[in-house]
Amino acid sequence: MNYQRRVKNLKVLGYLLQIAPFVRAVILTGSMTIGSTNESSDIDLLIVTKERRLYLARFFVTLLTTLTGLRRTPKTKNPAGKFCLNYYLAADNLDIRPHTARCARFHRHIIRVWDKDGICERIYRQNQWLRSFEPKIVDENQIAILKNNFPLDRWLTLSLIRLPLEILLTGKLGNFAEDKFSKWQMSKILNSKTRKDNKKTIVVRKNELRLHPKKQT
């Protein structure tokens, strides 16, 4: 998949995720942010959600991304151009971890696809440790293309689709649904073979979900 096609698909998904309840930011991370994308690269995303609604938001994000036919799963044989939903943070926990050079390589130059409530600025302020690292930009042209296309405008029409669901899932009903969805999703992840083989890189908490298994060789 060529680079322009990746950017187009990211724009489509970015707009689509404006429908997803409780999503507060969609942020590009990984190889695209340092211009090192190649033909086999996937597209890494950090999703920031409303506090105490991470797993409900993840359900809707997964559903909408699946509809594009471009969601990467553990069974995906060819990840090229697929969306890798590998990192979720709740808005009350914006600490990007672990504080390592490898993590900084993928998060030092994040690209804001879109956000709400100044989430990206909060991430920059709360992750000063990233400034200790300066990963090499491999292809400046790729970065220029991203900056010309993002951040996306937030469309009022899409917000009007999202808002009724957010209102419905606020309060006791939302708390009940989040409790059920979090238990279901956390159990599924924690009991998976992938998690058992990657206990240090797959982190499952109420306000953080980090799915970074080791690369298969």
N, C-alpha and C. Protein backbone atom coordinates (compact mmCIF):
# COMPACT_ATOMS: atom_id res chain seq x y z
N MET A 1 0.84 -1.19 0.00
CA MET A 1 0.00 0.00 0.00
C MET A 1 0.88 1.25 0.00
N ASN A 2 0.63 2.19 -0.95
CA ASN A 2 1.48 3.37 -1.01
C ASN A 2 1.13 4.36 0.10
N TYR A 3 2.00 5.34 0.30
CA TYR A 3 1.88 6.23 1.45
C TYR A 3 0.63 7.09 1.37
N GLN A 4 0.33 7.61 0.19
CA GLN A 4 -0.85 8.45 0.04
C GLN A 4 -2.12 7.68 0.38
N ARG A 5 -2.17 6.41 0.03
CA ARG A 5 -3.33 5.59 0.36
C ARG A 5 -3.45 5.41 1.87
N ARG A 6 -2.33 5.24 2.55
CA ARG A 6 -2.35 5.13 4.01
C ARG A 6 -2.94 6.39 4.64
N VAL A 7 -2.47 7.53 4.15
CA VAL A 7 -2.95 8.80 4.69
C VAL A 7 -4.45 8.96 4.44
N LYS A 8 -4.90 8.61 3.25
CA LYS A 8 -6.33 8.69 2.93
C LYS A 8 -7.15 7.80 3.85
N ASN A 9 -6.67 6.57 4.07
CA ASN A 9 -7.39 5.64 4.95
C ASN A 9 -7.41 6.15 6.39
N LEU A 10 -6.31 6.78 6.82
CA LEU A 10 -6.27 7.33 8.17
C LEU A 10 -7.27 8.47 8.32
N LYS A 11 -7.42 9.28 7.29
CA LYS A 11 -8.40 10.36 7.34
C LYS A 11 -9.82 9.80 7.43
N VAL A 12 -10.10 8.77 6.64
CA VAL A 12 -11.43 8.16 6.67
C VAL A 12 -11.73 7.61 8.06
N LEU A 13 -10.77 6.86 8.63
CA LEU A 13 -10.99 6.31 9.96
C LEU A 13 -11.08 7.41 11.01
N GLY A 14 -10.25 8.43 10.86
CA GLY A 14 -10.29 9.54 11.81
C GLY A 14 -11.66 10.17 11.89
N TYR A 15 -12.26 10.43 10.73
CA TYR A 15 -13.61 10.99 10.72
C TYR A 15 -14.61 9.99 11.29
N LEU A 16 -14.46 8.73 10.92
CA LEU A 16 -15.40 7.70 11.37
C LEU A 16 -15.38 7.59 12.90
N LEU A 17 -14.20 7.72 13.50
CA LEU A 17 -14.10 7.57 14.95
C LEU A 17 -14.64 8.78 15.70
N GLN A 18 -15.00 9.84 14.99
CA GLN A 18 -15.69 10.95 15.64
C GLN A 18 -17.10 10.55 16.05
N ILE A 19 -17.56 9.42 15.53
CA ILE A 19 -18.87 8.89 15.91
C ILE A 19 -18.77 8.11 17.23
N ALA A 20 -17.61 7.58 17.53
CA ALA A 20 -17.45 6.66 18.66
C ALA A 20 -17.64 7.37 20.00
N PRO A 21 -18.58 6.91 20.82
CA PRO A 21 -18.80 7.53 22.12
C PRO A 21 -17.56 7.46 23.01
N PHE A 22 -17.33 8.54 23.73
CA PHE A 22 -16.30 8.64 24.77
C PHE A 22 -14.87 8.67 24.24
N VAL A 23 -14.67 8.76 22.94
CA VAL A 23 -13.32 8.95 22.40
C VAL A 23 -12.99 10.44 22.48
N ARG A 24 -11.83 10.74 23.05
CA ARG A 24 -11.44 12.14 23.22
C ARG A 24 -10.25 12.53 22.35
N ALA A 25 -9.55 11.54 21.80
CA ALA A 25 -8.45 11.85 20.89
C ALA A 25 -8.07 10.61 20.11
N VAL A 26 -7.72 10.83 18.85
CA VAL A 26 -7.13 9.79 18.00
C VAL A 26 -5.77 10.31 17.58
N ILE A 27 -4.72 9.57 17.94
CA ILE A 27 -3.35 10.05 17.77
C ILE A 27 -2.53 9.01 17.04
N LEU A 28 -1.83 9.46 16.01
CA LEU A 28 -0.95 8.58 15.24
C LEU A 28 0.38 8.44 15.97
N THR A 29 0.85 7.20 16.10
CA THR A 29 2.15 6.94 16.71
C THR A 29 2.94 6.03 15.76
N GLY A 30 4.08 5.53 16.22
CA GLY A 30 4.80 4.53 15.46
C GLY A 30 5.60 5.04 14.28
N SER A 31 5.82 4.17 13.32
CA SER A 31 6.77 4.44 12.23
C SER A 31 6.37 5.64 11.36
N MET A 32 5.06 5.87 11.18
CA MET A 32 4.65 6.99 10.32
C MET A 32 5.08 8.33 10.90
N THR A 33 5.20 8.43 12.21
CA THR A 33 5.52 9.72 12.84
C THR A 33 6.99 10.08 12.74
N ILE A 34 7.83 9.13 12.35
CA ILE A 34 9.25 9.45 12.14
C ILE A 34 9.66 9.18 10.69
N GLY A 35 8.67 8.98 9.82
CA GLY A 35 8.95 8.82 8.40
C GLY A 35 9.68 7.55 8.04
N SER A 36 9.46 6.49 8.81
CA SER A 36 10.15 5.23 8.52
C SER A 36 9.20 4.16 7.99
N THR A 37 8.05 4.59 7.48
CA THR A 37 7.08 3.63 6.95
C THR A 37 7.63 2.92 5.73
N ASN A 38 7.43 1.60 5.69
CA ASN A 38 7.77 0.84 4.49
C ASN A 38 6.54 0.06 4.04
N GLU A 39 6.68 -0.75 3.02
CA GLU A 39 5.53 -1.44 2.44
C GLU A 39 4.83 -2.38 3.40
N SER A 40 5.55 -2.88 4.40
CA SER A 40 4.95 -3.85 5.32
C SER A 40 4.47 -3.23 6.63
N SER A 41 4.64 -1.93 6.80
CA SER A 41 4.29 -1.28 8.07
C SER A 41 2.79 -1.20 8.28
N ASP A 42 2.38 -1.35 9.54
CA ASP A 42 0.99 -1.09 9.88
C ASP A 42 0.87 0.37 10.34
N ILE A 43 -0.31 0.75 10.81
CA ILE A 43 -0.57 2.13 11.24
C ILE A 43 -0.95 2.09 12.71
N ASP A 44 -0.07 2.59 13.58
CA ASP A 44 -0.28 2.51 15.02
C ASP A 44 -1.07 3.71 15.53
N LEU A 45 -2.06 3.43 16.38
CA LEU A 45 -2.89 4.51 16.92
C LEU A 45 -2.95 4.45 18.45
N LEU A 46 -2.90 5.62 19.04
CA LEU A 46 -3.19 5.80 20.46
C LEU A 46 -4.57 6.42 20.55
N ILE A 47 -5.46 5.78 21.30
CA ILE A 47 -6.81 6.28 21.49
C ILE A 47 -6.95 6.76 22.92
N VAL A 48 -7.35 8.00 23.11
CA VAL A 48 -7.61 8.53 24.45
C VAL A 48 -9.11 8.59 24.65
N THR A 49 -9.55 8.09 25.80
CA THR A 49 -10.98 8.00 26.08
C THR A 49 -11.35 8.84 27.31
N LYS A 50 -12.62 9.06 27.46
CA LYS A 50 -13.13 9.68 28.68
C LYS A 50 -12.80 8.79 29.87
N GLU A 51 -12.51 9.40 31.00
CA GLU A 51 -12.21 8.62 32.20
C GLU A 51 -13.40 7.73 32.56
N ARG A 52 -13.09 6.55 33.04
CA ARG A 52 -14.07 5.53 33.44
C ARG A 52 -14.97 5.06 32.29
N ARG A 53 -14.48 5.22 31.07
CA ARG A 53 -15.23 4.73 29.91
C ARG A 53 -14.30 4.10 28.87
N LEU A 54 -13.12 3.68 29.29
CA LEU A 54 -12.13 3.18 28.33
C LEU A 54 -12.64 1.96 27.56
N TYR A 55 -13.24 1.02 28.25
CA TYR A 55 -13.61 -0.24 27.58
C TYR A 55 -14.88 -0.12 26.75
N LEU A 56 -15.77 0.76 27.15
CA LEU A 56 -16.91 1.05 26.28
C LEU A 56 -16.43 1.73 25.00
N ALA A 57 -15.56 2.71 25.15
CA ALA A 57 -15.01 3.40 23.97
C ALA A 57 -14.28 2.42 23.07
N ARG A 58 -13.50 1.53 23.68
CA ARG A 58 -12.75 0.55 22.89
C ARG A 58 -13.69 -0.34 22.07
N PHE A 59 -14.80 -0.72 22.65
CA PHE A 59 -15.77 -1.55 21.92
C PHE A 59 -16.23 -0.84 20.64
N PHE A 60 -16.58 0.43 20.75
CA PHE A 60 -17.06 1.16 19.58
C PHE A 60 -15.93 1.43 18.59
N VAL A 61 -14.74 1.73 19.08
CA VAL A 61 -13.59 1.95 18.19
C VAL A 61 -13.30 0.68 17.40
N THR A 62 -13.29 -0.45 18.08
CA THR A 62 -13.02 -1.72 17.41
C THR A 62 -14.08 -2.02 16.36
N LEU A 63 -15.33 -1.78 16.71
CA LEU A 63 -16.43 -2.03 15.77
C LEU A 63 -16.31 -1.17 14.52
N LEU A 64 -16.08 0.12 14.70
CA LEU A 64 -16.00 1.03 13.56
C LEU A 64 -14.76 0.75 12.71
N THR A 65 -13.65 0.43 13.35
CA THR A 65 -12.43 0.12 12.59
C THR A 65 -12.60 -1.17 11.81
N THR A 66 -13.28 -2.15 12.39
CA THR A 66 -13.55 -3.41 11.70
C THR A 66 -14.37 -3.17 10.44
N LEU A 67 -15.29 -2.20 10.49
CA LEU A 67 -16.13 -1.90 9.33
C LEU A 67 -15.31 -1.41 8.13
N THR A 68 -14.13 -0.83 8.40
CA THR A 68 -13.29 -0.37 7.30
C THR A 68 -12.58 -1.53 6.60
N GLY A 69 -12.55 -2.71 7.26
CA GLY A 69 -11.82 -3.86 6.71
C GLY A 69 -10.32 -3.74 6.88
N LEU A 70 -9.88 -2.77 7.69
CA LEU A 70 -8.44 -2.51 7.81
C LEU A 70 -7.94 -2.62 9.24
N ARG A 71 -8.66 -3.32 10.09
CA ARG A 71 -8.20 -3.50 11.47
C ARG A 71 -7.22 -4.66 11.54
N ARG A 72 -6.08 -4.42 12.15
CA ARG A 72 -5.12 -5.50 12.35
C ARG A 72 -5.52 -6.31 13.58
N THR A 73 -5.49 -7.61 13.47
CA THR A 73 -5.78 -8.51 14.59
C THR A 73 -4.58 -9.44 14.78
N PRO A 74 -4.53 -10.18 15.89
CA PRO A 74 -3.41 -11.11 16.08
C PRO A 74 -3.30 -12.16 14.98
N LYS A 75 -4.38 -12.39 14.26
CA LYS A 75 -4.36 -13.39 13.20
C LYS A 75 -4.05 -12.81 11.82
N THR A 76 -3.86 -11.50 11.74
CA THR A 76 -3.57 -10.86 10.46
C THR A 76 -2.19 -11.29 9.95
N LYS A 77 -2.16 -11.88 8.78
CA LYS A 77 -0.89 -12.35 8.22
C LYS A 77 -0.12 -11.23 7.52
N ASN A 78 -0.85 -10.32 6.90
CA ASN A 78 -0.21 -9.21 6.20
C ASN A 78 -0.66 -7.90 6.84
N PRO A 79 0.17 -7.30 7.73
CA PRO A 79 -0.24 -6.10 8.46
C PRO A 79 -0.13 -4.80 7.66
N ALA A 80 0.37 -4.86 6.44
CA ALA A 80 0.64 -3.65 5.67
C ALA A 80 -0.59 -2.76 5.56
N GLY A 81 -0.47 -1.54 6.09
CA GLY A 81 -1.54 -0.57 5.98
C GLY A 81 -2.72 -0.81 6.89
N LYS A 82 -2.64 -1.81 7.76
CA LYS A 82 -3.74 -2.10 8.67
C LYS A 82 -3.63 -1.21 9.92
N PHE A 83 -4.77 -0.93 10.54
CA PHE A 83 -4.78 -0.12 11.75
C PHE A 83 -4.55 -0.98 12.97
N CYS A 84 -3.52 -0.64 13.72
CA CYS A 84 -3.16 -1.38 14.92
C CYS A 84 -3.62 -0.56 16.14
N LEU A 85 -4.69 -1.02 16.77
CA LEU A 85 -5.27 -0.31 17.92
C LEU A 85 -4.59 -0.82 19.19
N ASN A 86 -3.34 -0.45 19.36
CA ASN A 86 -2.51 -1.09 20.39
C ASN A 86 -2.31 -0.29 21.66
N TYR A 87 -2.94 0.88 21.77
CA TYR A 87 -2.69 1.68 22.98
C TYR A 87 -3.92 2.53 23.28
N TYR A 88 -4.45 2.36 24.49
CA TYR A 88 -5.57 3.17 24.97
C TYR A 88 -5.20 3.79 26.31
N LEU A 89 -5.51 5.06 26.47
CA LEU A 89 -5.35 5.73 27.75
C LEU A 89 -6.63 6.47 28.09
N ALA A 90 -7.01 6.45 29.36
CA ALA A 90 -8.12 7.28 29.82
C ALA A 90 -7.61 8.70 30.06
N ALA A 91 -8.50 9.67 29.94
CA ALA A 91 -8.10 11.07 30.02
C ALA A 91 -7.53 11.46 31.38
N ASP A 92 -7.77 10.65 32.40
CA ASP A 92 -7.19 10.92 33.72
C ASP A 92 -5.87 10.20 33.93
N ASN A 93 -5.34 9.61 32.86
CA ASN A 93 -4.06 8.90 32.96
C ASN A 93 -3.32 9.03 31.62
N LEU A 94 -2.63 10.15 31.44
CA LEU A 94 -1.99 10.43 30.15
C LEU A 94 -0.49 10.19 30.17
N ASP A 95 -0.02 9.43 31.14
CA ASP A 95 1.40 9.10 31.22
C ASP A 95 1.73 7.99 30.22
N ILE A 96 2.54 8.33 29.22
CA ILE A 96 2.95 7.34 28.22
C ILE A 96 4.08 6.50 28.80
N ARG A 97 3.87 5.20 28.80
CA ARG A 97 4.83 4.28 29.42
C ARG A 97 5.12 3.11 28.49
N PRO A 98 6.28 2.45 28.76
CA PRO A 98 7.32 2.73 29.77
C PRO A 98 8.21 3.88 29.33
N HIS A 99 8.94 4.45 30.26
CA HIS A 99 9.81 5.58 29.96
C HIS A 99 11.16 5.08 29.44
N THR A 100 11.13 4.58 28.23
CA THR A 100 12.32 4.00 27.61
C THR A 100 12.58 4.63 26.25
N ALA A 101 13.77 4.43 25.74
CA ALA A 101 14.13 4.96 24.42
C ALA A 101 13.25 4.35 23.33
N ARG A 102 12.94 3.07 23.45
CA ARG A 102 12.12 2.42 22.44
C ARG A 102 10.71 3.02 22.42
N CYS A 103 10.15 3.26 23.60
CA CYS A 103 8.83 3.88 23.67
C CYS A 103 8.87 5.29 23.11
N ALA A 104 9.93 6.03 23.42
CA ALA A 104 10.07 7.40 22.92
C ALA A 104 10.16 7.43 21.40
N ARG A 105 10.77 6.42 20.82
CA ARG A 105 10.88 6.37 19.36
C ARG A 105 9.51 6.39 18.69
N PHE A 106 8.53 5.80 19.34
CA PHE A 106 7.19 5.72 18.75
C PHE A 106 6.24 6.81 19.22
N HIS A 107 6.64 7.58 20.26
CA HIS A 107 5.72 8.57 20.80
C HIS A 107 6.29 9.98 20.90
N ARG A 108 7.56 10.17 20.55
CA ARG A 108 8.17 11.49 20.67
C ARG A 108 7.55 12.48 19.68
N HIS A 109 7.17 12.01 18.50
CA HIS A 109 6.65 12.90 17.46
C HIS A 109 5.23 12.51 17.05
N ILE A 110 4.36 12.31 18.04
CA ILE A 110 2.99 11.91 17.75
C ILE A 110 2.29 12.95 16.87
N ILE A 111 1.37 12.47 16.04
CA ILE A 111 0.61 13.33 15.15
C ILE A 111 -0.85 13.30 15.59
N ARG A 112 -1.41 14.47 15.83
CA ARG A 112 -2.80 14.58 16.27
C ARG A 112 -3.73 14.40 15.06
N VAL A 113 -4.44 13.28 15.02
CA VAL A 113 -5.45 13.09 13.98
C VAL A 113 -6.63 14.00 14.29
N TRP A 114 -7.11 13.95 15.51
CA TRP A 114 -8.02 14.96 16.06
C TRP A 114 -8.09 14.74 17.57
N ASP A 115 -8.48 15.78 18.28
CA ASP A 115 -8.66 15.63 19.71
C ASP A 115 -9.74 16.58 20.21
N LYS A 116 -10.06 16.42 21.47
CA LYS A 116 -11.08 17.22 22.14
C LYS A 116 -10.54 17.60 23.51
N ASP A 117 -10.96 18.76 24.01
CA ASP A 117 -10.60 19.19 25.36
C ASP A 117 -9.09 19.36 25.55
N GLY A 118 -8.36 19.66 24.47
CA GLY A 118 -6.93 19.91 24.58
C GLY A 118 -6.11 18.71 25.03
N ILE A 119 -6.57 17.51 24.67
CA ILE A 119 -5.90 16.29 25.12
C ILE A 119 -4.44 16.25 24.67
N CYS A 120 -4.17 16.56 23.42
CA CYS A 120 -2.78 16.47 22.93
C CYS A 120 -1.85 17.41 23.69
N GLU A 121 -2.29 18.62 23.96
CA GLU A 121 -1.46 19.54 24.72
C GLU A 121 -1.20 19.00 26.12
N ARG A 122 -2.20 18.37 26.70
CA ARG A 122 -2.02 17.76 28.02
C ARG A 122 -1.01 16.62 27.97
N ILE A 123 -1.05 15.84 26.90
CA ILE A 123 -0.08 14.75 26.74
C ILE A 123 1.34 15.32 26.67
N TYR A 124 1.52 16.38 25.87
CA TYR A 124 2.85 16.99 25.77
C TYR A 124 3.34 17.48 27.13
N ARG A 125 2.45 18.13 27.87
CA ARG A 125 2.85 18.69 29.18
C ARG A 125 3.16 17.59 30.19
N GLN A 126 2.40 16.51 30.15
CA GLN A 126 2.55 15.46 31.16
C GLN A 126 3.62 14.43 30.81
N ASN A 127 4.23 14.56 29.65
CA ASN A 127 5.25 13.59 29.25
C ASN A 127 6.55 14.30 28.87
N GLN A 128 7.02 15.14 29.79
CA GLN A 128 8.26 15.87 29.55
C GLN A 128 9.45 14.93 29.36
N TRP A 129 9.36 13.72 29.89
CA TRP A 129 10.47 12.77 29.77
C TRP A 129 10.80 12.47 28.31
N LEU A 130 9.81 12.61 27.42
CA LEU A 130 10.04 12.33 26.00
C LEU A 130 11.09 13.27 25.39
N ARG A 131 11.24 14.45 25.96
CA ARG A 131 12.18 15.42 25.42
C ARG A 131 13.63 14.99 25.58
N SER A 132 13.85 13.99 26.41
CA SER A 132 15.21 13.48 26.59
C SER A 132 15.67 12.65 25.40
N PHE A 133 14.74 12.35 24.51
CA PHE A 133 15.04 11.52 23.35
C PHE A 133 14.67 12.27 22.07
N GLU A 134 15.43 12.06 21.05
CA GLU A 134 15.15 12.70 19.77
C GLU A 134 15.38 11.69 18.65
N PRO A 135 14.38 10.83 18.39
CA PRO A 135 14.54 9.83 17.33
C PRO A 135 14.80 10.49 15.97
N LYS A 136 15.59 9.84 15.18
CA LYS A 136 15.93 10.36 13.85
C LYS A 136 14.72 10.31 12.93
N ILE A 137 14.46 11.43 12.24
CA ILE A 137 13.41 11.46 11.22
C ILE A 137 14.00 10.88 9.94
N VAL A 138 13.41 9.81 9.46
CA VAL A 138 13.96 9.09 8.31
C VAL A 138 13.58 9.75 7.00
N ASP A 139 12.33 10.17 6.88
CA ASP A 139 11.85 10.75 5.61
C ASP A 139 11.03 12.00 5.93
N GLU A 140 11.61 13.18 5.72
CA GLU A 140 10.94 14.44 6.01
C GLU A 140 9.71 14.63 5.14
N ASN A 141 9.72 14.08 3.93
CA ASN A 141 8.58 14.23 3.03
C ASN A 141 7.33 13.57 3.60
N GLN A 142 7.50 12.39 4.20
CA GLN A 142 6.36 11.71 4.81
C GLN A 142 5.77 12.57 5.93
N ILE A 143 6.62 13.17 6.73
CA ILE A 143 6.15 14.00 7.83
C ILE A 143 5.41 15.22 7.30
N ALA A 144 5.93 15.82 6.22
CA ALA A 144 5.28 16.99 5.62
C ALA A 144 3.87 16.65 5.14
N ILE A 145 3.72 15.47 4.55
CA ILE A 145 2.40 15.03 4.08
C ILE A 145 1.43 14.91 5.25
N LEU A 146 1.89 14.34 6.35
CA LEU A 146 1.04 14.21 7.53
C LEU A 146 0.62 15.57 8.06
N LYS A 147 1.56 16.49 8.15
CA LYS A 147 1.25 17.81 8.70
C LYS A 147 0.32 18.61 7.79
N ASN A 148 0.32 18.28 6.50
CA ASN A 148 -0.59 18.94 5.57
C ASN A 148 -2.00 18.39 5.63
N ASN A 149 -2.16 17.21 6.22
CA ASN A 149 -3.47 16.55 6.25
C ASN A 149 -4.10 16.49 7.64
N PHE A 150 -3.31 16.71 8.68
CA PHE A 150 -3.82 16.59 10.04
C PHE A 150 -3.38 17.79 10.88
N PRO A 151 -4.17 18.15 11.91
CA PRO A 151 -5.35 17.45 12.42
C PRO A 151 -6.58 17.67 11.57
N LEU A 152 -7.51 16.77 11.71
CA LEU A 152 -8.78 16.87 11.01
C LEU A 152 -9.72 17.82 11.73
N ASP A 153 -10.61 18.46 10.96
CA ASP A 153 -11.68 19.22 11.57
C ASP A 153 -12.65 18.26 12.25
N ARG A 154 -13.28 18.72 13.29
CA ARG A 154 -14.32 17.91 13.92
C ARG A 154 -15.66 18.32 13.34
N TRP A 155 -16.35 17.35 12.76
CA TRP A 155 -17.61 17.63 12.07
C TRP A 155 -18.77 17.58 13.04
N LEU A 156 -19.59 18.64 13.02
CA LEU A 156 -20.75 18.72 13.91
C LEU A 156 -21.72 17.57 13.65
N THR A 157 -21.91 17.21 12.38
CA THR A 157 -22.83 16.12 12.05
C THR A 157 -22.45 14.83 12.74
N LEU A 158 -21.15 14.53 12.74
CA LEU A 158 -20.68 13.30 13.38
C LEU A 158 -20.84 13.37 14.89
N SER A 159 -20.64 14.56 15.46
CA SER A 159 -20.83 14.74 16.89
C SER A 159 -22.28 14.51 17.29
N LEU A 160 -23.19 14.92 16.42
CA LEU A 160 -24.62 14.75 16.72
C LEU A 160 -25.03 13.28 16.69
N ILE A 161 -24.28 12.47 15.97
CA ILE A 161 -24.54 11.03 15.98
C ILE A 161 -24.01 10.42 17.27
N ARG A 162 -22.86 10.91 17.73
CA ARG A 162 -22.21 10.37 18.91
C ARG A 162 -22.92 10.75 20.21
N LEU A 163 -23.37 11.99 20.30
CA LEU A 163 -23.87 12.53 21.56
C LEU A 163 -25.02 11.74 22.18
N PRO A 164 -26.03 11.30 21.42
CA PRO A 164 -27.11 10.53 22.06
C PRO A 164 -26.61 9.27 22.76
N LEU A 165 -25.62 8.59 22.16
CA LEU A 165 -25.07 7.39 22.79
C LEU A 165 -24.32 7.74 24.07
N GLU A 166 -23.58 8.84 24.04
CA GLU A 166 -22.87 9.26 25.24
C GLU A 166 -23.85 9.61 26.36
N ILE A 167 -24.91 10.30 26.00
CA ILE A 167 -25.91 10.67 27.01
C ILE A 167 -26.56 9.42 27.59
N LEU A 168 -26.89 8.48 26.71
CA LEU A 168 -27.53 7.23 27.15
C LEU A 168 -26.62 6.45 28.09
N LEU A 169 -25.30 6.47 27.80
CA LEU A 169 -24.35 5.65 28.56
C LEU A 169 -23.62 6.46 29.63
N THR A 170 -24.26 7.53 30.09
CA THR A 170 -23.73 8.30 31.20
C THR A 170 -24.50 7.90 32.46
N GLY A 171 -23.88 8.09 33.59
CA GLY A 171 -24.56 7.77 34.84
C GLY A 171 -24.54 6.29 35.16
N LYS A 172 -25.57 5.83 35.85
CA LYS A 172 -25.60 4.46 36.34
C LYS A 172 -25.57 3.43 35.22
N LEU A 173 -26.31 3.70 34.14
CA LEU A 173 -26.32 2.75 33.03
C LEU A 173 -24.93 2.64 32.41
N GLY A 174 -24.28 3.77 32.23
CA GLY A 174 -22.93 3.75 31.68
C GLY A 174 -21.94 3.07 32.60
N ASN A 175 -22.07 3.30 33.90
CA ASN A 175 -21.19 2.64 34.86
C ASN A 175 -21.37 1.12 34.82
N PHE A 176 -22.62 0.70 34.73
CA PHE A 176 -22.92 -0.73 34.65
C PHE A 176 -22.33 -1.33 33.38
N ALA A 177 -22.55 -0.64 32.25
CA ALA A 177 -22.04 -1.14 30.97
C ALA A 177 -20.52 -1.17 30.96
N GLU A 178 -19.87 -0.14 31.49
CA GLU A 178 -18.41 -0.11 31.53
C GLU A 178 -17.88 -1.26 32.38
N ASP A 179 -18.54 -1.52 33.50
CA ASP A 179 -18.12 -2.61 34.37
C ASP A 179 -18.18 -3.95 33.64
N LYS A 180 -19.27 -4.19 32.92
CA LYS A 180 -19.43 -5.44 32.20
C LYS A 180 -18.45 -5.54 31.04
N PHE A 181 -18.31 -4.47 30.26
CA PHE A 181 -17.41 -4.49 29.11
C PHE A 181 -15.96 -4.61 29.55
N SER A 182 -15.60 -3.96 30.64
CA SER A 182 -14.21 -4.04 31.09
C SER A 182 -13.88 -5.44 31.58
N LYS A 183 -14.77 -6.06 32.33
CA LYS A 183 -14.52 -7.42 32.81
C LYS A 183 -14.40 -8.39 31.65
N TRP A 184 -15.27 -8.25 30.68
CA TRP A 184 -15.25 -9.13 29.50
C TRP A 184 -13.97 -8.97 28.71
N GLN A 185 -13.61 -7.73 28.39
CA GLN A 185 -12.43 -7.49 27.57
C GLN A 185 -11.14 -7.80 28.32
N MET A 186 -11.07 -7.42 29.58
CA MET A 186 -9.86 -7.69 30.36
C MET A 186 -9.64 -9.19 30.53
N SER A 187 -10.71 -9.93 30.79
CA SER A 187 -10.58 -11.38 30.93
C SER A 187 -10.11 -12.02 29.63
N LYS A 188 -10.66 -11.55 28.52
CA LYS A 188 -10.29 -12.10 27.21
C LYS A 188 -8.81 -11.87 26.93
N ILE A 189 -8.33 -10.67 27.23
CA ILE A 189 -6.92 -10.34 26.97
C ILE A 189 -6.00 -11.09 27.93
N LEU A 190 -6.34 -11.06 29.21
CA LEU A 190 -5.47 -11.67 30.22
C LEU A 190 -5.35 -13.18 30.07
N ASN A 191 -6.37 -13.80 29.53
CA ASN A 191 -6.35 -15.26 29.36
C ASN A 191 -5.87 -15.71 27.99
N SER A 192 -5.48 -14.75 27.15
CA SER A 192 -5.02 -15.10 25.81
C SER A 192 -3.58 -15.61 25.84
N LYS A 193 -3.23 -16.41 24.88
CA LYS A 193 -1.86 -16.93 24.78
C LYS A 193 -0.89 -15.78 24.52
N THR A 194 -1.32 -14.80 23.74
CA THR A 194 -0.45 -13.65 23.44
C THR A 194 -0.05 -12.93 24.72
N ARG A 195 -1.02 -12.74 25.62
CA ARG A 195 -0.72 -12.06 26.90
C ARG A 195 0.21 -12.91 27.76
N LYS A 196 -0.03 -14.21 27.79
CA LYS A 196 0.81 -15.10 28.60
C LYS A 196 2.25 -15.11 28.13
N ASP A 197 2.46 -14.87 26.82
CA ASP A 197 3.81 -14.85 26.26
C ASP A 197 4.45 -13.46 26.32
N ASN A 198 3.65 -12.44 26.71
CA ASN A 198 4.13 -11.06 26.68
C ASN A 198 3.65 -10.28 27.89
N LYS A 199 3.87 -10.82 29.07
CA LYS A 199 3.33 -10.21 30.29
C LYS A 199 3.90 -8.82 30.57
N LYS A 200 5.12 -8.55 30.11
CA LYS A 200 5.73 -7.26 30.38
C LYS A 200 5.29 -6.18 29.39
N THR A 201 4.86 -6.57 28.22
CA THR A 201 4.53 -5.58 27.19
C THR A 201 3.04 -5.46 26.91
N ILE A 202 2.25 -6.33 27.52
CA ILE A 202 0.80 -6.19 27.41
C ILE A 202 0.28 -5.85 28.80
N VAL A 203 -0.19 -4.62 28.95
CA VAL A 203 -0.60 -4.08 30.24
C VAL A 203 -2.10 -3.81 30.20
N VAL A 204 -2.82 -4.35 31.18
CA VAL A 204 -4.28 -4.23 31.20
C VAL A 204 -4.70 -3.63 32.54
N ARG A 205 -5.18 -2.39 32.48
CA ARG A 205 -5.67 -1.71 33.67
C ARG A 205 -6.99 -1.02 33.34
N LYS A 206 -7.64 -0.49 34.36
CA LYS A 206 -8.91 0.21 34.16
C LYS A 206 -8.73 1.46 33.31
N ASN A 207 -7.57 2.13 33.46
CA ASN A 207 -7.37 3.39 32.74
C ASN A 207 -6.22 3.33 31.74
N GLU A 208 -5.75 2.12 31.44
CA GLU A 208 -4.67 1.96 30.45
C GLU A 208 -4.73 0.57 29.84
N LEU A 209 -4.60 0.53 28.54
CA LEU A 209 -4.54 -0.74 27.83
C LEU A 209 -3.41 -0.63 26.82
N ARG A 210 -2.34 -1.39 27.07
CA ARG A 210 -1.15 -1.31 26.23
C ARG A 210 -0.89 -2.69 25.63
N LEU A 211 -1.06 -2.79 24.32
CA LEU A 211 -0.97 -4.09 23.65
C LEU A 211 0.22 -4.09 22.71
N HIS A 212 1.41 -4.34 23.28
CA HIS A 212 2.64 -4.29 22.49
C HIS A 212 3.39 -5.62 22.57
N PRO A 213 2.84 -6.67 21.98
CA PRO A 213 3.54 -7.96 22.02
C PRO A 213 4.84 -7.91 21.25
N LYS A 214 5.75 -8.82 21.59
CA LYS A 214 7.03 -8.88 20.88
C LYS A 214 6.79 -9.25 19.42
N LYS A 215 7.64 -8.71 18.57
CA LYS A 215 7.55 -9.05 17.15
C LYS A 215 7.86 -10.52 16.95
N GLN A 216 7.05 -11.16 16.10
CA GLN A 216 7.29 -12.55 15.78
C GLN A 216 8.38 -12.67 14.73
N THR A 217 9.28 -13.62 14.94
CA THR A 217 10.38 -13.80 13.97
C THR A 217 10.25 -15.15 13.30
